[in-house]
Structures are given as structure tokens and as C-alpha cells.
N, C-alpha and C. Protein backbone atom coordinates (compact mmCIF):
# COMPACT_ATOMS: atom_id res chain seq x y z
N UNK A 1 74.57 -24.05 -4.40
CA UNK A 1 74.29 -23.44 -5.71
C UNK A 1 74.21 -22.29 -6.28
N UNK A 2 74.96 -21.12 -5.76
CA UNK A 2 75.09 -20.03 -5.63
C UNK A 2 77.19 -19.91 -6.06
N UNK A 3 77.36 -21.05 -4.97
CA UNK A 3 79.15 -21.27 -4.87
C UNK A 3 79.38 -21.71 -6.63
N UNK A 4 78.90 -22.16 -6.28
CA UNK A 4 78.58 -23.40 -7.92
C UNK A 4 78.92 -22.57 -9.23
N UNK A 5 77.65 -21.80 -9.28
CA UNK A 5 77.44 -20.98 -10.15
C UNK A 5 78.91 -19.71 -10.48
N UNK A 6 79.54 -18.91 -9.19
CA UNK A 6 80.43 -18.79 -9.66
C UNK A 6 81.48 -18.79 -9.69
N UNK A 7 81.75 -20.36 -9.26
CA UNK A 7 83.29 -21.14 -9.93
C UNK A 7 83.14 -21.35 -11.46
N UNK A 8 81.80 -21.52 -11.99
CA UNK A 8 81.62 -21.64 -13.20
C UNK A 8 82.15 -20.38 -14.25
N UNK A 9 81.66 -19.56 -13.50
CA UNK A 9 81.97 -18.30 -14.09
C UNK A 9 83.80 -17.75 -13.78
N UNK A 10 83.85 -18.06 -12.90
CA UNK A 10 85.78 -17.30 -12.42
C UNK A 10 86.29 -18.81 -13.79
N UNK A 11 85.66 -20.16 -14.00
CA UNK A 11 86.50 -20.79 -14.87
C UNK A 11 86.37 -20.37 -16.37
N UNK A 12 85.00 -19.67 -16.63
CA UNK A 12 84.99 -18.91 -18.29
C UNK A 12 85.96 -18.48 -17.96
N UNK A 13 85.89 -17.15 -17.95
CA UNK A 13 87.08 -16.34 -16.76
C UNK A 13 88.29 -16.72 -17.66
N UNK A 14 88.46 -17.36 -16.83
CA UNK A 14 89.92 -17.87 -16.57
C UNK A 14 90.20 -18.28 -18.24
N UNK A 15 89.12 -19.26 -18.43
CA UNK A 15 89.21 -20.09 -20.11
C UNK A 15 89.61 -18.51 -21.59
N UNK A 16 88.83 -17.94 -21.07
CA UNK A 16 88.69 -16.71 -22.34
C UNK A 16 89.81 -16.27 -22.09
N UNK A 17 90.91 -15.91 -20.87
CA UNK A 17 91.81 -15.16 -21.07
C UNK A 17 92.81 -16.50 -21.69
N UNK A 18 92.56 -18.07 -21.41
CA UNK A 18 93.58 -18.70 -22.52
C UNK A 18 94.27 -18.61 -23.32
N UNK A 19 92.16 -18.47 -24.13
CA UNK A 19 92.23 -18.51 -25.49
C UNK A 19 92.76 -17.49 -26.02
N UNK A 20 92.77 -16.11 -25.37
CA UNK A 20 92.91 -15.11 -26.00
C UNK A 20 94.48 -14.74 -26.23
N UNK A 21 95.60 -15.74 -24.59
CA UNK A 21 96.71 -15.26 -24.70
C UNK A 21 97.16 -16.58 -26.35
N UNK A 22 96.29 -17.62 -25.58
CA UNK A 22 96.79 -18.68 -27.34
C UNK A 22 96.84 -17.60 -28.10
N UNK A 23 95.44 -16.51 -29.11
CA UNK A 23 95.47 -16.35 -30.15
C UNK A 23 96.93 -15.56 -30.87
N UNK A 24 97.30 -14.45 -29.68
CA UNK A 24 98.08 -13.52 -29.69
C UNK A 24 99.65 -14.20 -30.06
N UNK A 25 99.84 -15.32 -29.06
CA UNK A 25 101.00 -16.22 -29.31
C UNK A 25 101.06 -16.88 -30.91
N UNK A 26 99.87 -17.18 -30.64
CA UNK A 26 99.49 -17.98 -33.04
C UNK A 26 99.89 -17.28 -34.19
N UNK A 27 99.63 -15.36 -33.66
CA UNK A 27 99.27 -14.60 -34.59
C UNK A 27 100.81 -14.00 -35.07
N UNK A 28 101.71 -14.00 -33.41
CA UNK A 28 103.04 -13.29 -33.46
C UNK A 28 103.27 -14.79 -34.38
N UNK A 29 102.97 -15.91 -34.15
CA UNK A 29 104.21 -16.95 -34.68
C UNK A 29 103.72 -16.79 -36.44
N UNK A 30 102.63 -16.77 -36.72
CA UNK A 30 102.66 -16.67 -38.16
C UNK A 30 102.83 -15.44 -38.28
N UNK A 31 103.12 -14.04 -38.16
CA UNK A 31 103.44 -12.81 -38.59
C UNK A 31 104.93 -13.06 -39.00
N UNK A 32 105.69 -13.44 -37.67
CA UNK A 32 107.14 -13.70 -37.97
C UNK A 32 107.81 -14.65 -39.14
N UNK A 33 106.78 -15.48 -39.79
CA UNK A 33 107.19 -15.98 -41.04
C UNK A 33 106.88 -15.28 -42.54
N UNK A 34 105.74 -14.84 -42.48
CA UNK A 34 104.90 -13.87 -43.41
C UNK A 34 106.05 -12.97 -43.71
N UNK A 35 106.04 -13.10 -45.41
CA UNK A 35 106.66 -12.39 -45.78
C UNK A 35 105.27 -11.56 -47.20
N UNK A 36 105.81 -9.67 -47.12
CA UNK A 36 104.88 -9.04 -47.71
C UNK A 36 105.63 -9.71 -48.92
N UNK A 37 104.76 -9.31 -49.97
CA UNK A 37 104.99 -8.81 -51.52
C UNK A 37 105.12 -7.66 -51.98
N UNK A 38 105.38 -7.20 -52.53
CA UNK A 38 105.17 -5.93 -52.99
C UNK A 38 104.91 -5.44 -54.73
N UNK A 39 104.39 -5.63 -55.55
CA UNK A 39 104.23 -6.07 -56.65
C UNK A 39 104.27 -3.95 -57.17
N UNK A 40 104.66 -4.41 -58.62
CA UNK A 40 105.37 -3.37 -59.35
C UNK A 40 104.51 -3.49 -60.39
N UNK A 41 104.39 -2.18 -61.02
CA UNK A 41 103.29 -2.40 -61.85
C UNK A 41 104.37 -2.94 -63.51
N UNK A 42 103.84 -3.67 -64.44
CA UNK A 42 104.42 -4.47 -65.07
C UNK A 42 105.16 -6.16 -64.77
N UNK A 43 105.06 -6.52 -63.72
CA UNK A 43 105.53 -7.61 -62.91
C UNK A 43 104.36 -8.45 -63.48
N UNK A 44 104.21 -9.95 -63.70
CA UNK A 44 103.95 -10.74 -64.28
C UNK A 44 103.48 -11.79 -63.11
N UNK A 45 101.97 -11.92 -62.53
CA UNK A 45 101.15 -13.04 -61.70
C UNK A 45 100.79 -14.05 -61.68
N UNK A 46 100.09 -15.29 -61.04
CA UNK A 46 99.81 -16.10 -61.42
C UNK A 46 98.42 -15.63 -60.63
N UNK A 47 97.22 -16.34 -60.57
CA UNK A 47 96.11 -16.18 -59.80
C UNK A 47 95.63 -17.78 -59.89
N UNK A 48 95.29 -17.86 -58.36
CA UNK A 48 95.00 -18.99 -57.98
C UNK A 48 93.81 -18.86 -58.27
N UNK A 49 93.30 -20.70 -59.08
CA UNK A 49 91.85 -20.42 -59.72
C UNK A 49 90.84 -21.30 -58.91
N UNK A 50 89.77 -21.00 -58.62
CA UNK A 50 88.44 -21.08 -57.97
C UNK A 50 87.54 -21.68 -58.83
N UNK A 51 87.53 -23.38 -58.85
CA UNK A 51 86.38 -23.85 -59.19
C UNK A 51 85.31 -23.73 -58.41
N UNK A 52 84.07 -23.07 -59.83
CA UNK A 52 82.86 -22.35 -59.06
C UNK A 52 81.55 -23.98 -58.85
N UNK A 53 81.94 -24.53 -59.65
CA UNK A 53 80.75 -25.58 -59.45
C UNK A 53 81.43 -27.04 -58.94
N UNK A 54 80.62 -26.84 -57.90
CA UNK A 54 81.28 -28.38 -57.03
C UNK A 54 81.37 -29.63 -57.49
N UNK A 55 80.48 -30.19 -58.74
CA UNK A 55 80.29 -31.40 -59.34
C UNK A 55 80.51 -31.09 -60.60
N UNK A 56 81.79 -31.41 -60.79
CA UNK A 56 82.29 -31.24 -62.53
C UNK A 56 82.98 -32.43 -62.31
N UNK A 57 82.91 -33.23 -63.68
CA UNK A 57 83.80 -34.47 -63.42
C UNK A 57 84.89 -34.89 -63.44
N UNK A 58 86.10 -33.58 -63.87
CA UNK A 58 87.66 -33.91 -63.63
C UNK A 58 87.76 -32.93 -62.71
N UNK A 59 88.49 -32.69 -60.92
CA UNK A 59 88.59 -31.28 -60.55
C UNK A 59 90.15 -31.77 -61.19
N UNK A 60 90.74 -32.85 -60.93
CA UNK A 60 92.28 -32.99 -60.34
C UNK A 60 93.15 -32.93 -62.07
N UNK A 61 92.25 -33.21 -63.04
CA UNK A 61 92.55 -32.32 -64.33
C UNK A 61 92.84 -30.70 -64.61
N UNK A 62 92.10 -30.34 -63.95
CA UNK A 62 91.88 -28.40 -63.80
C UNK A 62 93.26 -27.79 -63.11
N UNK A 63 93.22 -26.78 -64.59
CA UNK A 63 94.82 -26.67 -63.23
C UNK A 63 94.80 -25.48 -62.43
N UNK A 64 95.88 -24.99 -61.43
CA UNK A 64 95.16 -24.94 -60.40
C UNK A 64 95.57 -23.00 -60.41
N UNK A 65 96.34 -22.58 -61.11
CA UNK A 65 96.51 -21.16 -61.34
C UNK A 65 95.98 -20.55 -62.46
N UNK A 66 95.84 -19.52 -62.42
CA UNK A 66 95.39 -18.59 -63.82
C UNK A 66 96.44 -17.06 -64.25
N UNK A 67 96.32 -17.37 -65.27
CA UNK A 67 97.59 -16.59 -65.92
C UNK A 67 98.55 -17.09 -67.06
N UNK A 68 99.82 -15.95 -67.45
CA UNK A 68 99.93 -14.31 -66.10
C UNK A 68 98.96 -13.39 -66.78
N UNK A 69 99.07 -12.74 -65.37
CA UNK A 69 98.54 -11.79 -65.28
C UNK A 69 99.53 -10.34 -65.29
N UNK A 70 99.26 -9.16 -65.94
CA UNK A 70 100.23 -8.11 -65.98
C UNK A 70 99.52 -6.45 -64.55
N UNK A 71 100.53 -7.05 -63.76
CA UNK A 71 100.25 -6.13 -62.58
C UNK A 71 99.84 -4.60 -63.60
N UNK A 72 98.79 -3.60 -63.33
CA UNK A 72 99.25 -2.50 -64.16
C UNK A 72 99.06 -0.79 -63.64
N UNK A 73 98.68 -1.47 -62.25
CA UNK A 73 98.99 -0.66 -60.86
C UNK A 73 98.93 -1.23 -59.27
N UNK A 74 99.32 -0.54 -58.25
CA UNK A 74 99.45 -1.22 -57.64
C UNK A 74 99.40 -0.09 -56.06
N UNK A 75 98.21 -0.08 -54.89
CA UNK A 75 98.02 0.36 -53.70
C UNK A 75 99.41 0.40 -53.05
N UNK A 76 98.88 1.79 -52.81
CA UNK A 76 101.06 1.68 -51.28
C UNK A 76 101.34 2.54 -51.67
């Protein structure tokens, strides 16, 4: 019985190592293709519209974006 528990613990550790390796590989893949956007004061931007009420009559006809908004200041 103790041998089985030891093997189970080893399998669990191996699985955790595989999951962490996969997550790091996925983050690396994602970060290579991500573009950083720098906004300057005066730029016009759109903001995604979030529908807060779940059961509205027709979500299809609601706009997906709000704006345009002007950037007044930027962090960075």
C-alpha cells in the first residue's frame, strides 16, 4: 500500500512539472504575438461595450463598441 502511495506522489509531481512547462510554453507563444499599444494624449479610442443585464430583448442589435473617447493622459 505504501509503495502505491509513493508512486502516486511521484506521478503527481511529474504531472505538475508537465503542467508548469506547458503553461510557460503557452505564455511564451502568446507573448511573442502580442503587440503593446502606446496611446498618446489626444488619440481617439473605442471601448468595448459590456452588456450588464443578462436578459435583454435583443443583444444582437446592441453596439459592440462605445466611443470614440479621447485620451486625456497616459501612464507610462
